[in-house]
Amino acid sequence: NDAPNDALKLFQLGQIAAQESGSELAVAVLCANEAWAYAMMGNEEQAVKLLGRSKDEFERANLAEAESWVKFFNETDVYAMVGTVHTVLAQKNAEHTKYAIPALTRAVESYDDEMARSKTFMLSALATNHLLDGDLDHGAKVGGKAIDCAEGIKSERVKDRMRPLQEEAERRRNNADARDLADRLHAFYAA
């Protein structure tokens, strides 16, 4: 809800309980979400530090014995969160695209049809990174896939998460591929 500071405080409270429970997987989930909140607040150092901790905790986690409520968080989710956090950071510092693109590519390749919403989120972020990186034709292609994927999903979150892609496509309207993508996004939002 665009309230990263409030979210961060709640994640930090959850972190205490997760650490006391001894669940490395729960700690990994909370660290990843804290990293995202810090990225949204513009705190690059803390965001990157918590991403590292999330990956470390995930590596130590005993996935076979994880609690049912946290079993959803798997290797694909780790890549998705790495890509998501670096995408937020890339919007202020394009150097982060070099971390976001491989992580998002790996996440997208791992999603099946049952994970259409998550795949749409990651395709949109991946397209955004390609635009930020100057690869406009590929960014527009991936962005088109994100729109194709999103069209069958009834979710306001999808539209919210695609806003950065729309903004980056609009900024590059002087390029035909980016302009076509921006126009498709306008039609998508209008529908």
N, C-alpha and C. Protein backbone atom coordinates (compact mmCIF):
# COMPACT_ATOMS: atom_id res chain seq x y z
N ASN A 1 0.82 -1.21 0.00
CA ASN A 1 0.00 0.00 0.00
C ASN A 1 0.86 1.26 0.00
N ASP A 2 2.05 1.19 -0.53
CA ASP A 2 2.97 2.33 -0.57
C ASP A 2 3.22 2.93 0.81
N ALA A 3 3.31 2.07 1.80
CA ALA A 3 3.64 2.51 3.16
C ALA A 3 4.81 1.66 3.67
N PRO A 4 5.98 1.81 3.03
CA PRO A 4 7.10 0.93 3.38
C PRO A 4 7.59 1.07 4.81
N ASN A 5 7.51 2.26 5.38
CA ASN A 5 7.98 2.44 6.75
C ASN A 5 7.08 1.67 7.73
N ASP A 6 5.77 1.77 7.53
CA ASP A 6 4.84 1.00 8.37
C ASP A 6 5.06 -0.50 8.19
N ALA A 7 5.22 -0.92 6.94
CA ALA A 7 5.45 -2.34 6.67
C ALA A 7 6.73 -2.83 7.33
N LEU A 8 7.78 -2.00 7.22
CA LEU A 8 9.06 -2.37 7.81
C LEU A 8 8.94 -2.61 9.30
N LYS A 9 8.21 -1.76 10.00
CA LYS A 9 8.04 -1.92 11.44
C LYS A 9 7.34 -3.25 11.76
N LEU A 10 6.33 -3.60 10.96
CA LEU A 10 5.64 -4.87 11.19
C LEU A 10 6.54 -6.06 10.87
N PHE A 11 7.30 -5.95 9.79
CA PHE A 11 8.24 -7.03 9.45
C PHE A 11 9.29 -7.20 10.55
N GLN A 12 9.74 -6.10 11.12
CA GLN A 12 10.74 -6.18 12.19
C GLN A 12 10.16 -6.85 13.43
N LEU A 13 8.91 -6.57 13.74
CA LEU A 13 8.26 -7.27 14.85
C LEU A 13 8.15 -8.76 14.56
N GLY A 14 7.76 -9.07 13.34
CA GLY A 14 7.67 -10.47 12.93
C GLY A 14 9.02 -11.16 12.98
N GLN A 15 10.07 -10.41 12.68
CA GLN A 15 11.42 -10.96 12.68
C GLN A 15 11.80 -11.49 14.07
N ILE A 16 11.38 -10.78 15.10
CA ILE A 16 11.67 -11.22 16.47
C ILE A 16 11.04 -12.58 16.72
N ALA A 17 9.77 -12.71 16.36
CA ALA A 17 9.08 -13.99 16.55
C ALA A 17 9.69 -15.09 15.69
N ALA A 18 10.06 -14.76 14.47
CA ALA A 18 10.66 -15.75 13.58
C ALA A 18 11.99 -16.26 14.13
N GLN A 19 12.79 -15.35 14.64
CA GLN A 19 14.09 -15.76 15.20
C GLN A 19 13.90 -16.62 16.44
N GLU A 20 12.92 -16.26 17.27
CA GLU A 20 12.66 -17.05 18.47
C GLU A 20 12.12 -18.44 18.13
N SER A 21 11.43 -18.55 17.00
CA SER A 21 10.86 -19.85 16.61
C SER A 21 11.93 -20.80 16.09
N GLY A 22 13.06 -20.25 15.70
CA GLY A 22 14.13 -21.09 15.16
C GLY A 22 13.93 -21.45 13.70
N SER A 23 12.98 -20.85 13.02
CA SER A 23 12.72 -21.14 11.62
C SER A 23 13.53 -20.22 10.72
N GLU A 24 14.59 -20.77 10.13
CA GLU A 24 15.40 -19.98 9.21
C GLU A 24 14.58 -19.54 8.00
N LEU A 25 13.64 -20.38 7.59
CA LEU A 25 12.81 -20.04 6.43
C LEU A 25 11.93 -18.83 6.74
N ALA A 26 11.35 -18.78 7.92
CA ALA A 26 10.54 -17.62 8.31
C ALA A 26 11.41 -16.37 8.37
N VAL A 27 12.62 -16.50 8.89
CA VAL A 27 13.54 -15.37 8.94
C VAL A 27 13.88 -14.92 7.52
N ALA A 28 14.10 -15.87 6.62
CA ALA A 28 14.42 -15.53 5.22
C ALA A 28 13.29 -14.73 4.59
N VAL A 29 12.05 -15.14 4.80
CA VAL A 29 10.89 -14.44 4.24
C VAL A 29 10.85 -13.01 4.77
N LEU A 30 11.00 -12.86 6.07
CA LEU A 30 10.93 -11.53 6.66
C LEU A 30 12.09 -10.65 6.22
N CYS A 31 13.28 -11.20 6.14
CA CYS A 31 14.43 -10.42 5.67
C CYS A 31 14.21 -9.93 4.24
N ALA A 32 13.68 -10.79 3.38
CA ALA A 32 13.41 -10.40 1.99
C ALA A 32 12.40 -9.26 1.93
N ASN A 33 11.37 -9.35 2.74
CA ASN A 33 10.36 -8.28 2.75
C ASN A 33 10.88 -7.00 3.39
N GLU A 34 11.73 -7.12 4.40
CA GLU A 34 12.36 -5.94 4.97
C GLU A 34 13.25 -5.27 3.93
N ALA A 35 13.98 -6.08 3.16
CA ALA A 35 14.83 -5.53 2.09
C ALA A 35 13.99 -4.74 1.09
N TRP A 36 12.83 -5.28 0.75
CA TRP A 36 11.94 -4.60 -0.20
C TRP A 36 11.48 -3.25 0.38
N ALA A 37 11.11 -3.26 1.65
CA ALA A 37 10.67 -2.01 2.29
C ALA A 37 11.81 -0.99 2.31
N TYR A 38 13.00 -1.44 2.68
CA TYR A 38 14.14 -0.52 2.68
C TYR A 38 14.41 0.03 1.28
N ALA A 39 14.30 -0.82 0.26
CA ALA A 39 14.51 -0.36 -1.12
C ALA A 39 13.48 0.71 -1.48
N MET A 40 12.25 0.49 -1.09
CA MET A 40 11.19 1.47 -1.39
C MET A 40 11.44 2.80 -0.66
N MET A 41 12.13 2.72 0.46
CA MET A 41 12.46 3.93 1.23
C MET A 41 13.77 4.56 0.75
N GLY A 42 14.43 3.93 -0.24
CA GLY A 42 15.67 4.48 -0.78
C GLY A 42 16.91 4.13 0.00
N ASN A 43 16.82 3.17 0.92
CA ASN A 43 17.98 2.78 1.72
C ASN A 43 18.65 1.56 1.07
N GLU A 44 19.50 1.86 0.11
CA GLU A 44 20.16 0.82 -0.69
C GLU A 44 21.01 -0.11 0.17
N GLU A 45 21.79 0.45 1.08
CA GLU A 45 22.69 -0.36 1.90
C GLU A 45 21.94 -1.41 2.72
N GLN A 46 20.90 -0.98 3.42
CA GLN A 46 20.12 -1.92 4.23
C GLN A 46 19.39 -2.93 3.36
N ALA A 47 18.88 -2.48 2.21
CA ALA A 47 18.17 -3.39 1.32
C ALA A 47 19.08 -4.52 0.85
N VAL A 48 20.27 -4.16 0.43
CA VAL A 48 21.22 -5.18 -0.07
C VAL A 48 21.68 -6.09 1.07
N LYS A 49 21.93 -5.51 2.23
CA LYS A 49 22.36 -6.30 3.39
C LYS A 49 21.29 -7.34 3.76
N LEU A 50 20.02 -6.92 3.79
CA LEU A 50 18.94 -7.84 4.17
C LEU A 50 18.67 -8.88 3.09
N LEU A 51 18.90 -8.53 1.82
CA LEU A 51 18.78 -9.54 0.76
C LEU A 51 19.82 -10.64 0.98
N GLY A 52 21.03 -10.23 1.32
CA GLY A 52 22.08 -11.21 1.59
C GLY A 52 21.72 -12.10 2.76
N ARG A 53 21.17 -11.51 3.80
CA ARG A 53 20.78 -12.30 4.96
C ARG A 53 19.63 -13.26 4.60
N SER A 54 18.71 -12.79 3.78
CA SER A 54 17.60 -13.64 3.36
C SER A 54 18.12 -14.87 2.62
N LYS A 55 19.06 -14.65 1.70
CA LYS A 55 19.64 -15.78 0.95
C LYS A 55 20.37 -16.73 1.88
N ASP A 56 21.14 -16.18 2.84
CA ASP A 56 21.87 -17.01 3.79
C ASP A 56 20.92 -17.85 4.65
N GLU A 57 19.88 -17.22 5.15
CA GLU A 57 18.91 -17.94 5.99
C GLU A 57 18.20 -19.02 5.17
N PHE A 58 17.88 -18.70 3.93
CA PHE A 58 17.22 -19.69 3.07
C PHE A 58 18.12 -20.91 2.87
N GLU A 59 19.41 -20.66 2.64
CA GLU A 59 20.36 -21.76 2.44
C GLU A 59 20.46 -22.66 3.67
N ARG A 60 20.32 -22.08 4.86
CA ARG A 60 20.41 -22.85 6.10
C ARG A 60 19.09 -23.55 6.45
N ALA A 61 18.00 -23.10 5.87
CA ALA A 61 16.67 -23.61 6.24
C ALA A 61 16.51 -25.09 5.89
N ASN A 62 15.81 -25.79 6.76
CA ASN A 62 15.44 -27.18 6.51
C ASN A 62 14.05 -27.16 5.87
N LEU A 63 14.01 -27.15 4.55
CA LEU A 63 12.74 -26.99 3.82
C LEU A 63 11.78 -28.15 4.07
N ALA A 64 12.31 -29.33 4.28
CA ALA A 64 11.46 -30.50 4.50
C ALA A 64 10.69 -30.41 5.81
N GLU A 65 11.25 -29.71 6.78
CA GLU A 65 10.60 -29.61 8.09
C GLU A 65 9.99 -28.23 8.36
N ALA A 66 9.87 -27.41 7.31
CA ALA A 66 9.32 -26.05 7.49
C ALA A 66 7.84 -26.11 7.84
N GLU A 67 7.40 -25.12 8.58
CA GLU A 67 5.99 -25.02 8.94
C GLU A 67 5.16 -24.82 7.68
N SER A 68 3.93 -25.29 7.70
CA SER A 68 3.09 -25.24 6.50
C SER A 68 2.86 -23.81 6.01
N TRP A 69 2.75 -22.85 6.93
CA TRP A 69 2.46 -21.48 6.53
C TRP A 69 3.61 -20.79 5.81
N VAL A 70 4.82 -21.35 5.90
CA VAL A 70 5.98 -20.70 5.29
C VAL A 70 6.58 -21.55 4.15
N LYS A 71 6.02 -22.74 3.92
CA LYS A 71 6.55 -23.63 2.87
C LYS A 71 6.46 -23.04 1.47
N PHE A 72 5.57 -22.05 1.31
CA PHE A 72 5.42 -21.43 -0.01
C PHE A 72 6.72 -20.81 -0.50
N PHE A 73 7.58 -20.37 0.42
CA PHE A 73 8.78 -19.62 0.07
C PHE A 73 9.86 -20.60 -0.37
N ASN A 74 10.08 -20.64 -1.68
CA ASN A 74 11.05 -21.58 -2.23
C ASN A 74 12.15 -20.82 -2.99
N GLU A 75 12.99 -21.55 -3.67
CA GLU A 75 14.12 -20.94 -4.37
C GLU A 75 13.65 -19.91 -5.40
N THR A 76 12.55 -20.19 -6.07
CA THR A 76 12.01 -19.24 -7.05
C THR A 76 11.63 -17.93 -6.36
N ASP A 77 11.05 -18.03 -5.17
CA ASP A 77 10.68 -16.83 -4.44
C ASP A 77 11.90 -16.03 -4.01
N VAL A 78 12.98 -16.70 -3.70
CA VAL A 78 14.22 -16.00 -3.36
C VAL A 78 14.67 -15.18 -4.57
N TYR A 79 14.71 -15.81 -5.75
CA TYR A 79 15.10 -15.08 -6.96
C TYR A 79 14.13 -13.94 -7.25
N ALA A 80 12.85 -14.18 -7.06
CA ALA A 80 11.84 -13.15 -7.30
C ALA A 80 12.05 -11.95 -6.38
N MET A 81 12.34 -12.21 -5.12
CA MET A 81 12.56 -11.11 -4.18
C MET A 81 13.87 -10.37 -4.48
N VAL A 82 14.91 -11.10 -4.84
CA VAL A 82 16.16 -10.45 -5.23
C VAL A 82 15.89 -9.53 -6.42
N GLY A 83 15.19 -10.05 -7.42
CA GLY A 83 14.87 -9.25 -8.59
C GLY A 83 13.98 -8.06 -8.27
N THR A 84 13.00 -8.26 -7.42
CA THR A 84 12.07 -7.19 -7.05
C THR A 84 12.80 -6.06 -6.32
N VAL A 85 13.61 -6.42 -5.34
CA VAL A 85 14.34 -5.40 -4.57
C VAL A 85 15.30 -4.64 -5.47
N HIS A 86 16.03 -5.35 -6.31
CA HIS A 86 16.98 -4.67 -7.20
C HIS A 86 16.25 -3.83 -8.26
N THR A 87 15.03 -4.22 -8.62
CA THR A 87 14.24 -3.41 -9.55
C THR A 87 13.88 -2.07 -8.92
N VAL A 88 13.45 -2.11 -7.67
CA VAL A 88 13.14 -0.86 -6.97
C VAL A 88 14.39 0.01 -6.89
N LEU A 89 15.51 -0.58 -6.55
CA LEU A 89 16.76 0.18 -6.45
C LEU A 89 17.23 0.68 -7.82
N ALA A 90 16.98 -0.10 -8.87
CA ALA A 90 17.40 0.28 -10.23
C ALA A 90 16.68 1.53 -10.73
N GLN A 91 15.53 1.81 -10.19
CA GLN A 91 14.80 3.00 -10.62
C GLN A 91 15.49 4.28 -10.18
N LYS A 92 16.39 4.17 -9.21
CA LYS A 92 17.21 5.31 -8.78
C LYS A 92 18.67 5.15 -9.22
N ASN A 93 19.11 3.91 -9.37
CA ASN A 93 20.49 3.62 -9.75
C ASN A 93 20.48 2.42 -10.71
N ALA A 94 20.59 2.70 -12.00
CA ALA A 94 20.45 1.66 -13.03
C ALA A 94 21.49 0.54 -12.92
N GLU A 95 22.52 0.74 -12.11
CA GLU A 95 23.50 -0.34 -11.90
C GLU A 95 22.85 -1.61 -11.36
N HIS A 96 21.75 -1.44 -10.68
CA HIS A 96 21.08 -2.61 -10.08
C HIS A 96 20.42 -3.52 -11.10
N THR A 97 20.32 -3.07 -12.34
CA THR A 97 19.73 -3.94 -13.36
C THR A 97 20.57 -5.20 -13.56
N LYS A 98 21.88 -5.08 -13.35
CA LYS A 98 22.76 -6.25 -13.55
C LYS A 98 22.50 -7.35 -12.52
N TYR A 99 21.87 -7.01 -11.42
CA TYR A 99 21.49 -8.02 -10.43
C TYR A 99 20.03 -8.44 -10.63
N ALA A 100 19.21 -7.49 -11.00
CA ALA A 100 17.78 -7.77 -11.16
C ALA A 100 17.49 -8.67 -12.34
N ILE A 101 18.10 -8.40 -13.49
CA ILE A 101 17.76 -9.13 -14.71
C ILE A 101 18.00 -10.63 -14.58
N PRO A 102 19.17 -11.10 -14.13
CA PRO A 102 19.35 -12.55 -14.02
C PRO A 102 18.40 -13.19 -13.00
N ALA A 103 18.17 -12.51 -11.88
CA ALA A 103 17.29 -13.07 -10.85
C ALA A 103 15.85 -13.16 -11.37
N LEU A 104 15.38 -12.11 -12.02
CA LEU A 104 14.01 -12.11 -12.55
C LEU A 104 13.85 -13.13 -13.67
N THR A 105 14.86 -13.25 -14.52
CA THR A 105 14.82 -14.23 -15.61
C THR A 105 14.67 -15.63 -15.04
N ARG A 106 15.44 -15.91 -14.02
CA ARG A 106 15.37 -17.24 -13.39
C ARG A 106 14.00 -17.48 -12.76
N ALA A 107 13.43 -16.46 -12.10
CA ALA A 107 12.11 -16.61 -11.50
C ALA A 107 11.05 -16.85 -12.57
N VAL A 108 11.08 -16.05 -13.63
CA VAL A 108 10.08 -16.18 -14.71
C VAL A 108 10.13 -17.58 -15.31
N GLU A 109 11.33 -18.09 -15.53
CA GLU A 109 11.49 -19.42 -16.14
C GLU A 109 10.97 -20.53 -15.22
N SER A 110 10.88 -20.25 -13.93
CA SER A 110 10.46 -21.28 -12.96
C SER A 110 8.96 -21.31 -12.71
N TYR A 111 8.25 -20.25 -13.10
CA TYR A 111 6.81 -20.21 -12.84
C TYR A 111 6.05 -21.05 -13.84
N ASP A 112 5.03 -21.77 -13.33
CA ASP A 112 4.14 -22.51 -14.21
C ASP A 112 2.84 -21.71 -14.38
N ASP A 113 1.86 -22.29 -15.09
CA ASP A 113 0.61 -21.59 -15.37
C ASP A 113 -0.19 -21.24 -14.12
N GLU A 114 0.00 -22.01 -13.06
CA GLU A 114 -0.73 -21.74 -11.82
C GLU A 114 -0.23 -20.50 -11.11
N MET A 115 0.91 -20.02 -11.50
CA MET A 115 1.51 -18.84 -10.86
C MET A 115 1.48 -17.63 -11.81
N ALA A 116 0.38 -17.48 -12.53
CA ALA A 116 0.28 -16.44 -13.56
C ALA A 116 0.46 -15.03 -12.99
N ARG A 117 -0.11 -14.76 -11.83
CA ARG A 117 0.02 -13.42 -11.27
C ARG A 117 1.47 -13.13 -10.90
N SER A 118 2.12 -14.07 -10.24
CA SER A 118 3.53 -13.88 -9.89
C SER A 118 4.40 -13.74 -11.14
N LYS A 119 4.10 -14.54 -12.14
CA LYS A 119 4.86 -14.46 -13.39
C LYS A 119 4.67 -13.08 -14.03
N THR A 120 3.46 -12.56 -13.98
CA THR A 120 3.18 -11.24 -14.52
C THR A 120 3.98 -10.18 -13.79
N PHE A 121 4.01 -10.26 -12.45
CA PHE A 121 4.81 -9.32 -11.66
C PHE A 121 6.27 -9.34 -12.13
N MET A 122 6.81 -10.54 -12.28
CA MET A 122 8.23 -10.66 -12.61
C MET A 122 8.51 -10.25 -14.05
N LEU A 123 7.61 -10.57 -14.98
CA LEU A 123 7.79 -10.13 -16.37
C LEU A 123 7.78 -8.60 -16.46
N SER A 124 6.88 -7.98 -15.72
CA SER A 124 6.81 -6.52 -15.71
C SER A 124 8.10 -5.92 -15.15
N ALA A 125 8.58 -6.47 -14.05
CA ALA A 125 9.83 -5.99 -13.45
C ALA A 125 11.00 -6.22 -14.40
N LEU A 126 11.03 -7.38 -15.03
CA LEU A 126 12.11 -7.69 -15.98
C LEU A 126 12.10 -6.71 -17.15
N ALA A 127 10.92 -6.43 -17.68
CA ALA A 127 10.81 -5.47 -18.78
C ALA A 127 11.28 -4.09 -18.33
N THR A 128 10.90 -3.70 -17.13
CA THR A 128 11.31 -2.41 -16.59
C THR A 128 12.83 -2.32 -16.54
N ASN A 129 13.48 -3.39 -16.08
CA ASN A 129 14.95 -3.40 -15.99
C ASN A 129 15.59 -3.31 -17.36
N HIS A 130 15.03 -4.00 -18.34
CA HIS A 130 15.60 -3.92 -19.69
C HIS A 130 15.48 -2.49 -20.24
N LEU A 131 14.36 -1.84 -19.96
CA LEU A 131 14.21 -0.44 -20.39
C LEU A 131 15.24 0.44 -19.68
N LEU A 132 15.37 0.26 -18.37
CA LEU A 132 16.35 1.04 -17.61
C LEU A 132 17.78 0.81 -18.10
N ASP A 133 18.03 -0.41 -18.57
CA ASP A 133 19.36 -0.80 -19.03
C ASP A 133 19.62 -0.34 -20.47
N GLY A 134 18.60 0.20 -21.13
CA GLY A 134 18.77 0.70 -22.49
C GLY A 134 18.46 -0.32 -23.57
N ASP A 135 18.03 -1.51 -23.19
CA ASP A 135 17.68 -2.56 -24.16
C ASP A 135 16.18 -2.43 -24.47
N LEU A 136 15.84 -1.40 -25.24
CA LEU A 136 14.44 -1.02 -25.42
C LEU A 136 13.62 -2.05 -26.20
N ASP A 137 14.21 -2.62 -27.25
CA ASP A 137 13.42 -3.59 -28.03
C ASP A 137 13.11 -4.84 -27.22
N HIS A 138 14.10 -5.33 -26.48
CA HIS A 138 13.85 -6.52 -25.66
C HIS A 138 12.92 -6.18 -24.49
N GLY A 139 13.10 -5.00 -23.90
CA GLY A 139 12.22 -4.56 -22.83
C GLY A 139 10.77 -4.48 -23.29
N ALA A 140 10.57 -3.96 -24.50
CA ALA A 140 9.21 -3.86 -25.05
C ALA A 140 8.63 -5.25 -25.31
N LYS A 141 9.48 -6.15 -25.78
CA LYS A 141 9.02 -7.54 -26.03
C LYS A 141 8.57 -8.21 -24.73
N VAL A 142 9.40 -8.10 -23.72
CA VAL A 142 9.08 -8.70 -22.42
C VAL A 142 7.87 -7.99 -21.81
N GLY A 143 7.80 -6.69 -21.96
CA GLY A 143 6.65 -5.94 -21.48
C GLY A 143 5.36 -6.39 -22.15
N GLY A 144 5.44 -6.71 -23.44
CA GLY A 144 4.27 -7.24 -24.15
C GLY A 144 3.83 -8.58 -23.57
N LYS A 145 4.80 -9.40 -23.20
CA LYS A 145 4.47 -10.69 -22.56
C LYS A 145 3.79 -10.46 -21.22
N ALA A 146 4.27 -9.45 -20.48
CA ALA A 146 3.66 -9.13 -19.18
C ALA A 146 2.20 -8.72 -19.37
N ILE A 147 1.95 -7.91 -20.37
CA ILE A 147 0.56 -7.49 -20.64
C ILE A 147 -0.29 -8.68 -21.05
N ASP A 148 0.25 -9.52 -21.93
CA ASP A 148 -0.49 -10.72 -22.35
C ASP A 148 -0.86 -11.56 -21.14
N CYS A 149 0.08 -11.73 -20.26
CA CYS A 149 -0.13 -12.54 -19.05
C CYS A 149 -1.15 -11.86 -18.12
N ALA A 150 -1.09 -10.54 -18.03
CA ALA A 150 -1.94 -9.79 -17.10
C ALA A 150 -3.40 -9.72 -17.56
N GLU A 151 -3.62 -9.81 -18.85
CA GLU A 151 -4.97 -9.61 -19.37
C GLU A 151 -5.98 -10.61 -18.84
N GLY A 152 -5.55 -11.79 -18.45
CA GLY A 152 -6.48 -12.78 -17.93
C GLY A 152 -6.62 -12.77 -16.42
N ILE A 153 -5.99 -11.81 -15.76
CA ILE A 153 -5.95 -11.79 -14.30
C ILE A 153 -6.76 -10.61 -13.77
N LYS A 154 -7.64 -10.90 -12.86
CA LYS A 154 -8.44 -9.84 -12.21
C LYS A 154 -7.76 -9.49 -10.89
N SER A 155 -6.91 -8.49 -10.90
CA SER A 155 -6.19 -8.11 -9.69
C SER A 155 -5.71 -6.67 -9.81
N GLU A 156 -6.06 -5.86 -8.86
CA GLU A 156 -5.56 -4.48 -8.83
C GLU A 156 -4.07 -4.45 -8.57
N ARG A 157 -3.58 -5.46 -7.84
CA ARG A 157 -2.14 -5.51 -7.56
C ARG A 157 -1.33 -5.63 -8.84
N VAL A 158 -1.87 -6.34 -9.83
CA VAL A 158 -1.15 -6.46 -11.10
C VAL A 158 -0.98 -5.07 -11.72
N LYS A 159 -2.06 -4.31 -11.75
CA LYS A 159 -1.96 -2.96 -12.32
C LYS A 159 -0.99 -2.09 -11.51
N ASP A 160 -1.05 -2.19 -10.20
CA ASP A 160 -0.14 -1.42 -9.36
C ASP A 160 1.32 -1.77 -9.63
N ARG A 161 1.58 -3.06 -9.75
CA ARG A 161 2.96 -3.51 -9.93
C ARG A 161 3.49 -3.22 -11.34
N MET A 162 2.58 -2.93 -12.28
CA MET A 162 3.01 -2.63 -13.65
C MET A 162 3.24 -1.13 -13.87
N ARG A 163 2.95 -0.30 -12.87
CA ARG A 163 3.12 1.15 -13.01
C ARG A 163 4.56 1.56 -13.36
N PRO A 164 5.58 0.98 -12.70
CA PRO A 164 6.95 1.37 -13.08
C PRO A 164 7.25 1.08 -14.55
N LEU A 165 6.72 -0.02 -15.08
CA LEU A 165 6.92 -0.34 -16.49
C LEU A 165 6.28 0.74 -17.36
N GLN A 166 5.07 1.14 -16.99
CA GLN A 166 4.38 2.18 -17.75
C GLN A 166 5.19 3.49 -17.71
N GLU A 167 5.69 3.85 -16.54
CA GLU A 167 6.46 5.09 -16.41
C GLU A 167 7.73 5.05 -17.26
N GLU A 168 8.43 3.92 -17.24
CA GLU A 168 9.68 3.82 -18.01
C GLU A 168 9.40 3.79 -19.51
N ALA A 169 8.32 3.14 -19.93
CA ALA A 169 7.95 3.14 -21.35
C ALA A 169 7.59 4.56 -21.80
N GLU A 170 6.85 5.27 -20.97
CA GLU A 170 6.47 6.66 -21.29
C GLU A 170 7.70 7.54 -21.44
N ARG A 171 8.69 7.36 -20.59
CA ARG A 171 9.92 8.17 -20.64
C ARG A 171 10.70 7.95 -21.94
N ARG A 172 10.43 6.84 -22.59
CA ARG A 172 11.19 6.48 -23.79
C ARG A 172 10.32 6.51 -25.05
N ARG A 173 9.27 7.32 -25.04
CA ARG A 173 8.31 7.40 -26.15
C ARG A 173 8.97 7.74 -27.48
N ASN A 174 10.16 8.32 -27.45
CA ASN A 174 10.83 8.66 -28.71
C ASN A 174 11.30 7.40 -29.45
N ASN A 175 11.27 6.26 -28.80
CA ASN A 175 11.61 4.97 -29.41
C ASN A 175 10.30 4.27 -29.79
N ALA A 176 10.23 3.75 -31.01
CA ALA A 176 8.98 3.15 -31.51
C ALA A 176 8.53 1.97 -30.66
N ASP A 177 9.47 1.10 -30.24
CA ASP A 177 9.10 -0.07 -29.43
C ASP A 177 8.55 0.36 -28.07
N ALA A 178 9.21 1.32 -27.45
CA ALA A 178 8.76 1.81 -26.15
C ALA A 178 7.41 2.51 -26.28
N ARG A 179 7.23 3.27 -27.36
CA ARG A 179 5.96 3.96 -27.60
C ARG A 179 4.82 2.95 -27.77
N ASP A 180 5.07 1.90 -28.54
CA ASP A 180 4.05 0.85 -28.73
C ASP A 180 3.71 0.20 -27.39
N LEU A 181 4.73 -0.07 -26.57
CA LEU A 181 4.50 -0.66 -25.25
C LEU A 181 3.69 0.31 -24.39
N ALA A 182 4.03 1.58 -24.38
CA ALA A 182 3.30 2.57 -23.60
C ALA A 182 1.84 2.63 -24.04
N ASP A 183 1.61 2.57 -25.35
CA ASP A 183 0.24 2.60 -25.87
C ASP A 183 -0.53 1.35 -25.46
N ARG A 184 0.12 0.20 -25.51
CA ARG A 184 -0.54 -1.05 -25.06
C ARG A 184 -0.87 -0.98 -23.57
N LEU A 185 0.03 -0.41 -22.79
CA LEU A 185 -0.22 -0.27 -21.35
C LEU A 185 -1.38 0.68 -21.09
N HIS A 186 -1.46 1.76 -21.86
CA HIS A 186 -2.61 2.68 -21.70
C HIS A 186 -3.91 1.94 -21.98
N ALA A 187 -3.93 1.13 -23.04
CA ALA A 187 -5.14 0.36 -23.38
C ALA A 187 -5.45 -0.64 -22.28
N PHE A 188 -4.42 -1.26 -21.72
CA PHE A 188 -4.59 -2.22 -20.64
C PHE A 188 -5.23 -1.55 -19.42
N TYR A 189 -4.73 -0.39 -19.06
CA TYR A 189 -5.28 0.32 -17.89
C TYR A 189 -6.69 0.84 -18.15
N ALA A 190 -6.96 1.18 -19.40
CA ALA A 190 -8.29 1.70 -19.74
C ALA A 190 -9.35 0.60 -19.77
N ALA A 191 -8.93 -0.62 -20.02
CA ALA A 191 -9.89 -1.74 -20.14
C ALA A 191 -10.51 -2.09 -18.81
